[in-house]
Every structure is written in C-alpha cells, then in structure tokens.
C-alpha cells in the first residue's frame, strides 16, 4: 500500500510539474511579459545581465506551528555558485531554532513538542530562463534534519520517559515561474530512523509528503496560492490527501509575511503564519524606458528566491495497536 501511494503521488507531482515545462504557454506568455507599462522587450529584460541581477542574500525567517511543523525562527542564505547567461546553479541553506508548542495544542496531534532544538535544511538547485525570459524553470534537491524534544501530552493520559528524537529527510522540487503564475511540485521522503518512541505511550514518525502548489500574483506585492498534497505513514495510520491555501505579501523589499491554511484528515484544520527577510534580495529592476524608473521583474527575482517546503513533518500515535487512546478498543 505504501509503495503504491508513493508511486501515485510522485507520478502526480512529477508529471504535473514536468508538463508545465513543456507547455508552450502561448496565450499566457503574451500577458505575462506585459509587466507594468510594457512588454519584456520594452522594459529591456533581454538585456539584463544575470551576473548583476543575481546576488548572494541572507537574513532571517520564522514560522508559527502548522500541520506537523514547529514554532521556529532562524537564519538562512542564498548563494549563487555558477551564473550563466541565462541560468544559475545555487546553494540555499538555513538553520532554525525549534520552540515549544502552544499550551495544550500539539503540532503533532498527541504529544507536545518541547524544549529548543536546532533543525537544518539545505538545497542545491539549477534554474534557467526560457528564450524570451518570460518563464523561469528550476530543479532542486537537498537534505533536512529535525531534532525534536517532547514534553507532556494533550490527551490526559499519564506518560513518562519523554525523550528527544532525531528525524531526517531528503527532498526534491520542480518549479516554473512567470510574472503572473508559479508552480511548485515537491517530494519529502524520510530517511534513517523515521519511526521513534517519544515517551511511554506515544511513538512518532516523519511523514512522506508529495504535493503541488499553484500560485497567482494578484498584485506585484500580493500573491495567493492553493495546493494539494498526499501524506503517508503506516505506523500512525496516516494515508490521505490534504489541501492548503496561502497569502503572501511583500511589505518592503526583501520582507515578506505569509498566512497559511491547511486541512487533511490527520491534522484537520491548521492555521499558521510566517515571516522572512533577506538582505540583498531587494528585487532587480529592469529599466522602464517610458518612465525611467525600475520595474521589478518577478521572473528575474525568482532566480534567487528561497526554495519552499523545507520542514520535516511529524505525526504521532499510540505505541500499541488497537488502543482506546487511538480511538479503538480495547487497550
């Protein structure tokens, strides 16, 4: 069942994202290149030097707990390794301090996440522009780690021997971005010891997650997206789909705030928010010949943005099968 679910989800996410790269986008391309007051040609996009436009950037990020993810804050940075005439090979890395869950509201369902641990995430990627620079395409892959300290529980069950455990995953993503649309297909696959005992009652496991997000720029500073994901973990009886929505607003150059809403059967409804600032990510502007003012080009900006979907997602359940704590009888 697990392998069948994984194959189905990978097939969905991979096929969808790869199809995007092969679609000519004929009708959309004309609209997408009309940024602000003119076409890409009018704005001089074809003459932009990527060595000028793509610069290292670094800063901080933070997020409130979500579906299997912690309250966290940390630092990160984007480093271009090789910049070509129409492409970039890059490294993006970050480290976050993970904090305790809200009181009596577990991010992993039953056991409260506690203490302060440090998680890491890294991505190597390659991005390139199409012939008229109206679309950016990219691939990336990397490794994420998450130590997780545990505390009490939300089920009024006596527990003991709370422990700190360690999860890891490998990740891969495909992306396509225009001045109006963006598409992101991703896969998060746990590796190593992905099922661990959290305390005397509950065990927890990292989730296999596969998804596709589709975003639309409502204004140059406001972007909305909707997404589908499939998650799996046999030991926690997790095997199903979910949906999520997101609104992100660029407060100023490099500073973005976001709000997220997700729903699936395992975590039910979850609401979270996030904040990110990158020094040096001020947005490269192509010259507007008509007004002699820079016009920010989302496609050019996308070449040096931080890849999404970096968290190791965890779900817990009772260590005993057919337990009343898990909704079955008897224990």
Protein backbone atom coordinates (compact mmCIF):
# COMPACT_ATOMS: atom_id res chain seq x y z
CA UNK A 1 0.00 0.00 0.00
CA UNK A 2 2.81 2.43 0.93
CA UNK A 3 4.74 1.88 -2.30
CA UNK A 4 1.55 2.22 -4.32
CA UNK A 5 0.75 5.54 -2.62
CA UNK A 6 4.27 6.83 -3.14
CA UNK A 7 4.27 5.89 -6.81
CA UNK A 8 0.86 7.50 -7.31
CA UNK A 9 1.86 10.73 -5.57
CA UNK A 10 5.24 11.00 -7.26
CA UNK A 11 3.62 10.32 -10.59
CA UNK A 12 1.07 13.07 -10.00
CA UNK A 13 3.54 15.68 -8.76
CA UNK A 14 6.28 14.87 -11.25
CA UNK A 15 4.01 14.63 -14.28
CA UNK A 16 2.26 17.88 -13.46
CA UNK A 17 5.46 19.83 -12.96
CA UNK A 18 7.24 18.38 -15.98
CA UNK A 19 4.20 19.07 -18.11
CA UNK A 20 4.46 22.73 -17.16
CA UNK A 21 7.94 22.92 -18.59
CA UNK A 22 6.78 21.51 -21.94
CA UNK A 23 3.64 23.61 -22.39
CA UNK A 24 4.26 26.49 -24.80
CA UNK A 25 2.12 28.87 -22.70
CA UNK A 26 1.38 30.70 -25.91
CA UNK A 27 -1.62 32.67 -24.75
CA UNK A 28 -0.32 33.33 -21.28
CA UNK A 29 3.14 34.34 -22.43
CA UNK A 30 1.90 37.49 -24.11
CA UNK A 31 0.15 38.64 -20.94
CA UNK A 32 2.87 37.60 -18.54
CA UNK A 33 5.57 39.62 -20.32
CA UNK A 34 3.45 42.77 -20.15
CA UNK A 35 4.79 43.91 -16.83
CA UNK A 36 3.59 47.26 -15.51
CA UNK A 37 3.91 49.61 -18.52
CA UNK A 38 5.22 47.43 -21.31
CA UNK A 39 6.41 44.14 -22.71
CA UNK A 40 9.61 42.40 -21.78
CA UNK A 41 11.25 43.89 -24.83
CA UNK A 42 10.01 47.39 -23.94
CA UNK A 43 11.46 47.06 -20.44
CA UNK A 44 14.83 45.83 -21.62
CA UNK A 45 14.52 42.44 -19.94
CA UNK A 46 16.51 40.69 -22.64
CA UNK A 47 19.49 42.97 -21.95
CA UNK A 48 19.60 42.27 -18.19
CA UNK A 49 22.87 40.70 -17.09
CA UNK A 50 22.16 37.87 -14.66
CA UNK A 51 25.54 38.45 -13.04
CA UNK A 52 24.22 41.85 -11.98
CA UNK A 53 20.73 40.62 -11.12
CA UNK A 54 21.64 37.50 -9.09
CA UNK A 55 23.46 38.31 -5.88
CA UNK A 56 24.01 36.39 -2.62
CA UNK A 57 21.39 37.20 0.01
CA UNK A 58 20.94 36.25 3.64
CA UNK A 59 18.62 37.04 6.53
CA UNK A 60 16.16 35.51 8.92
CA UNK A 61 12.92 33.53 8.77
CA UNK A 62 10.32 32.46 11.29
CA UNK A 63 7.08 30.49 11.32
CA UNK A 64 4.31 29.52 13.72
CA UNK A 65 3.49 25.84 14.18
CA UNK A 66 1.46 24.10 11.49
CA UNK A 67 0.46 20.59 10.43
CA UNK A 68 3.32 18.55 11.90
CA UNK A 69 5.74 21.50 11.92
CA UNK A 70 7.06 23.52 14.90
CA UNK A 71 7.23 27.12 16.05
CA UNK A 72 10.60 28.18 14.71
CA UNK A 73 12.95 31.05 13.88
CA UNK A 74 16.41 31.16 12.38
CA UNK A 75 18.82 32.37 9.70
CA UNK A 76 19.34 31.40 6.10
CA UNK A 77 21.01 32.42 2.89
CA UNK A 78 21.13 32.02 -0.89
CA UNK A 79 24.50 31.63 -2.61
CA UNK A 80 24.85 31.57 -6.43
CA UNK A 81 27.64 29.16 -7.33
CA UNK A 82 27.73 29.46 -11.11
CA UNK A 83 25.89 32.16 -13.09
CA UNK A 84 25.45 31.69 -16.82
CA UNK A 85 23.98 33.95 -19.49
CA UNK A 86 20.52 32.52 -18.82
CA UNK A 87 20.87 30.28 -15.77
CA UNK A 88 22.16 29.88 -12.23
CA UNK A 89 23.44 26.96 -10.15
CA UNK A 90 22.93 27.72 -6.44
CA UNK A 91 23.09 26.62 -2.80
CA UNK A 92 20.45 27.64 -0.27
CA UNK A 93 20.86 26.73 3.42
CA UNK A 94 19.16 27.60 6.67
CA UNK A 95 19.13 26.69 10.36
CA UNK A 96 16.19 27.21 12.72
CA UNK A 97 15.65 27.08 16.46
CA UNK A 98 12.53 24.99 17.13
CA UNK A 99 10.42 26.09 20.09
CA UNK A 100 7.71 24.53 22.25
CA UNK A 101 4.14 24.09 21.00
CA UNK A 102 1.31 26.31 22.17
CA UNK A 103 -0.01 25.21 25.54
CA UNK A 104 -2.30 22.15 25.17
CA UNK A 105 -2.22 22.35 21.37
CA UNK A 106 0.14 19.76 19.93
CA UNK A 107 1.57 20.31 16.46
CA UNK A 108 1.94 16.52 16.05
CA UNK A 109 -1.53 15.59 17.49
CA UNK A 110 -0.99 13.94 20.92
CA UNK A 111 2.44 14.80 22.32
CA UNK A 112 3.56 18.38 22.94
CA UNK A 113 6.80 19.43 21.28
CA UNK A 114 9.05 20.93 23.95
CA UNK A 115 12.47 22.42 24.55
CA UNK A 116 14.65 24.16 21.98
CA UNK A 117 16.39 22.20 19.23
CA UNK A 118 18.15 23.24 16.01
CA UNK A 119 16.92 21.99 12.64
CA UNK A 120 18.77 22.41 9.34
CA UNK A 121 17.84 22.49 5.68
CA UNK A 122 19.94 22.69 2.52
CA UNK A 123 19.13 22.79 -1.19
CA UNK A 124 21.28 22.56 -4.30
CA UNK A 125 19.47 23.73 -7.40
CA UNK A 126 19.61 24.81 -11.01
CA UNK A 127 17.34 27.47 -12.55
CA UNK A 128 17.11 28.74 -16.09
CA UNK A 129 15.09 31.17 -18.23
CA UNK A 130 13.31 30.33 -21.47
CA UNK A 131 14.19 32.03 -24.75
CA UNK A 132 12.25 35.28 -24.25
CA UNK A 133 12.73 35.29 -20.46
CA UNK A 134 9.01 35.11 -19.78
CA UNK A 135 9.35 31.91 -17.68
CA UNK A 136 11.85 30.58 -15.18
CA UNK A 137 12.19 26.82 -14.65
CA UNK A 138 14.09 25.08 -11.90
CA UNK A 139 15.01 21.85 -10.13
CA UNK A 140 16.40 21.47 -6.62
CA UNK A 141 17.19 18.73 -4.12
CA UNK A 142 18.56 18.56 -0.60
CA UNK A 143 18.59 17.28 2.95
CA UNK A 144 16.64 18.36 6.07
CA UNK A 145 17.16 17.41 9.72
CA UNK A 146 14.95 17.87 12.78
CA UNK A 147 15.82 17.02 16.37
CA UNK A 148 12.56 17.07 18.37
CA UNK A 149 12.28 17.39 22.15
CA UNK A 150 8.99 16.17 23.64
CA UNK A 151 7.11 17.06 26.80
CA UNK A 152 3.59 16.42 28.06
CA UNK A 153 0.50 15.35 26.13
CA UNK A 154 -2.90 16.68 25.08
CA UNK A 155 -4.90 13.53 25.88
CA UNK A 156 -4.98 13.46 29.70
CA UNK A 157 -3.07 10.17 29.64
CA UNK A 158 -0.27 9.58 32.14
CA UNK A 159 3.04 9.43 30.30
CA UNK A 160 6.68 9.16 31.35
CA UNK A 161 10.16 8.93 29.82
CA UNK A 162 9.77 11.86 27.43
CA UNK A 163 12.69 11.87 25.02
CA UNK A 164 14.46 13.89 22.34
CA UNK A 165 14.46 12.19 18.95
CA UNK A 166 16.06 12.91 15.57
CA UNK A 167 14.42 12.84 12.12
CA UNK A 168 15.88 13.28 8.64
CA UNK A 169 14.54 13.53 5.10
CA UNK A 170 15.67 14.02 1.52
CA UNK A 171 13.70 16.41 -0.63
CA UNK A 172 13.29 17.33 -4.29
CA UNK A 173 11.40 20.07 -6.11
CA UNK A 174 10.43 21.24 -9.59
CA UNK A 175 9.35 24.82 -10.25
CA UNK A 176 8.04 27.06 -13.02
CA UNK A 177 7.55 30.82 -12.56
CA UNK A 178 6.24 33.59 -14.81
CA UNK A 179 5.48 37.22 -13.98
CA UNK A 180 1.95 36.10 -13.04
CA UNK A 181 1.94 32.37 -12.26
CA UNK A 182 4.12 30.00 -10.29
CA UNK A 183 4.05 26.20 -9.95
CA UNK A 184 5.96 24.08 -7.45
CA UNK A 185 5.94 20.27 -7.24
CA UNK A 186 7.79 18.68 -4.33
CA UNK A 187 8.59 15.41 -2.55
CA UNK A 188 9.69 14.98 1.09
CA UNK A 189 10.96 11.46 1.87
CA UNK A 190 12.10 10.42 5.39
CA UNK A 191 15.39 8.53 5.70
CA UNK A 192 17.22 6.87 8.58
CA UNK A 193 15.29 6.00 11.73
CA UNK A 194 11.99 7.58 10.73
CA UNK A 195 9.83 5.95 13.49
CA UNK A 196 10.83 6.60 17.11
CA UNK A 197 9.47 6.25 20.64
CA UNK A 198 8.58 9.67 22.07
CA UNK A 199 7.53 8.57 25.57
CA UNK A 200 5.93 5.67 27.43
CA UNK A 201 2.70 5.88 25.40
CA UNK A 202 3.29 7.54 22.05
CA UNK A 203 5.57 6.94 19.09
CA UNK A 204 6.11 9.40 16.27
CA UNK A 205 7.15 9.20 12.65
CA UNK A 206 8.24 11.54 9.86
CA UNK A 207 5.70 11.73 7.03
CA UNK A 208 6.25 11.00 3.36
CA UNK A 209 4.74 14.08 1.69
CA UNK A 210 4.21 14.80 -2.02
CA UNK A 211 2.47 17.90 -3.35
CA UNK A 212 1.85 20.56 -5.96
CA UNK A 213 1.28 24.29 -5.28
CA UNK A 214 -0.11 26.75 -7.84
CA UNK A 215 0.31 30.46 -7.20
CA UNK A 216 -1.01 33.66 -8.79
CA UNK A 217 0.20 37.24 -8.41
CA UNK A 218 -2.85 39.35 -7.54
CA UNK A 219 -0.67 42.48 -7.46
CA UNK A 220 3.12 42.85 -7.69
CA UNK A 221 3.26 42.61 -3.87
CA UNK A 222 0.39 40.19 -3.10
CA UNK A 223 0.48 36.52 -4.12
CA UNK A 224 -2.06 33.77 -3.47
CA UNK A 225 -1.61 30.03 -3.91
CA UNK A 226 -3.53 26.79 -3.50
CA UNK A 227 -2.02 23.35 -3.15
CA UNK A 228 -2.69 19.64 -2.98
CA UNK A 229 -0.57 17.17 -1.02
CA UNK A 230 -0.59 13.47 -0.17
CA UNK A 231 0.97 12.23 3.08
CA UNK A 232 1.73 8.72 4.30
CA UNK A 233 2.89 7.00 7.49
CA UNK A 234 1.64 3.47 8.17
CA UNK A 235 2.55 3.33 11.89
CA UNK A 236 0.44 6.44 12.59
CA UNK A 237 -2.40 5.33 10.28
CA UNK A 238 -1.83 8.34 8.03
CA UNK A 239 -2.61 7.82 4.36
CA UNK A 240 -4.56 10.55 2.60
CA UNK A 241 -4.71 13.87 0.82
CA UNK A 242 -4.85 17.44 2.01
CA UNK A 243 -5.30 20.94 0.67
CA UNK A 244 -3.75 24.23 1.68
CA UNK A 245 -4.01 27.89 0.78
CA UNK A 246 -1.56 30.72 1.24
CA UNK A 247 -1.45 34.51 1.00
CA UNK A 248 1.95 36.23 0.94
CA UNK A 249 2.54 39.98 0.99
CA UNK A 250 5.77 41.84 0.30
CA UNK A 251 5.83 44.57 2.96
CA UNK A 252 9.02 46.08 1.60
CA UNK A 253 11.97 44.96 -0.48
CA UNK A 254 13.06 41.61 0.90
CA UNK A 255 10.49 41.43 3.75
CA UNK A 256 7.56 39.04 3.22
CA UNK A 257 4.76 37.94 5.57
CA UNK A 258 2.51 34.97 4.85
CA UNK A 259 -0.64 33.31 6.19
CA UNK A 260 -1.39 29.61 5.64
CA UNK A 261 -4.49 27.45 6.00
CA UNK A 262 -4.43 23.66 5.55
CA UNK A 263 -6.81 20.74 6.01
CA UNK A 264 -6.33 16.98 5.98
CA UNK A 265 -7.75 14.07 7.96
CA UNK A 266 -4.59 13.53 10.01
CA UNK A 267 -4.14 17.08 11.32
CA UNK A 268 -7.57 18.53 10.45
CA UNK A 269 -7.62 22.35 10.11
CA UNK A 270 -4.35 24.16 10.82
CA UNK A 271 -3.63 27.90 10.57
CA UNK A 272 -0.12 29.34 10.66
CA UNK A 273 1.85 32.44 9.71
CA UNK A 274 5.43 33.11 8.66
CA UNK A 275 7.88 35.96 8.17
CA UNK A 276 11.03 36.16 6.05
CA UNK A 277 13.58 38.86 5.37
CA UNK A 278 16.55 38.60 3.05
CA UNK A 279 19.24 41.30 2.99
CA UNK A 280 20.34 41.80 -0.58
CA UNK A 281 17.06 40.44 -2.02
CA UNK A 282 15.80 43.88 -2.94
CA UNK A 283 14.43 42.86 -6.30
CA UNK A 284 16.20 43.51 -9.57
CA UNK A 285 14.50 46.15 -11.68
CA UNK A 286 14.53 46.35 -15.45
CA UNK A 287 14.61 49.94 -16.72
CA UNK A 288 11.22 51.31 -17.78
CA UNK A 289 12.10 53.34 -20.82
CA UNK A 290 8.83 55.28 -20.73
CA UNK A 291 9.17 56.50 -17.12
CA UNK A 292 12.90 55.98 -16.50
CA UNK A 293 12.06 54.02 -13.33
CA UNK A 294 12.93 50.44 -12.42
CA UNK A 295 10.18 47.85 -12.81
CA UNK A 296 10.63 44.72 -10.74
CA UNK A 297 10.59 41.56 -12.84
CA UNK A 298 9.23 38.55 -10.88
CA UNK A 299 10.86 36.08 -13.29
CA UNK A 300 14.29 37.61 -12.68
CA UNK A 301 13.65 37.77 -8.93
CA UNK A 302 12.65 34.09 -8.90
CA UNK A 303 16.16 33.08 -9.90
CA UNK A 304 17.41 33.90 -6.39
CA UNK A 305 14.40 33.12 -4.17
CA UNK A 306 14.48 30.61 -1.32
CA UNK A 307 13.01 27.18 -2.24
CA UNK A 308 9.87 26.25 -0.31
CA UNK A 309 8.81 23.12 1.65
CA UNK A 310 11.79 22.63 3.99
CA UNK A 311 10.24 21.17 7.17
CA UNK A 312 10.33 17.58 8.40
CA UNK A 313 6.66 16.87 9.18
CA UNK A 314 5.92 14.58 12.15
CA UNK A 315 2.77 12.79 13.35
CA UNK A 316 2.40 10.68 16.49
CA UNK A 317 0.15 7.82 17.64
CA UNK A 318 -0.18 5.31 20.48
CA UNK A 319 2.60 2.70 20.56
CA UNK A 320 0.06 -0.14 20.92
CA UNK A 321 -2.21 -1.27 18.13
CA UNK A 322 -5.99 -1.31 18.72
CA UNK A 323 -5.70 1.07 21.65
CA UNK A 324 -8.57 3.10 23.08
CA UNK A 325 -6.30 6.17 23.09
CA UNK A 326 -6.16 5.90 19.33
CA UNK A 327 -9.91 5.53 19.02
CA UNK A 328 -10.07 1.74 19.01
CA UNK A 329 -11.00 -0.76 21.74
CA UNK A 330 -9.68 -2.17 23.88
CA UNK A 331 -6.24 -1.21 25.22
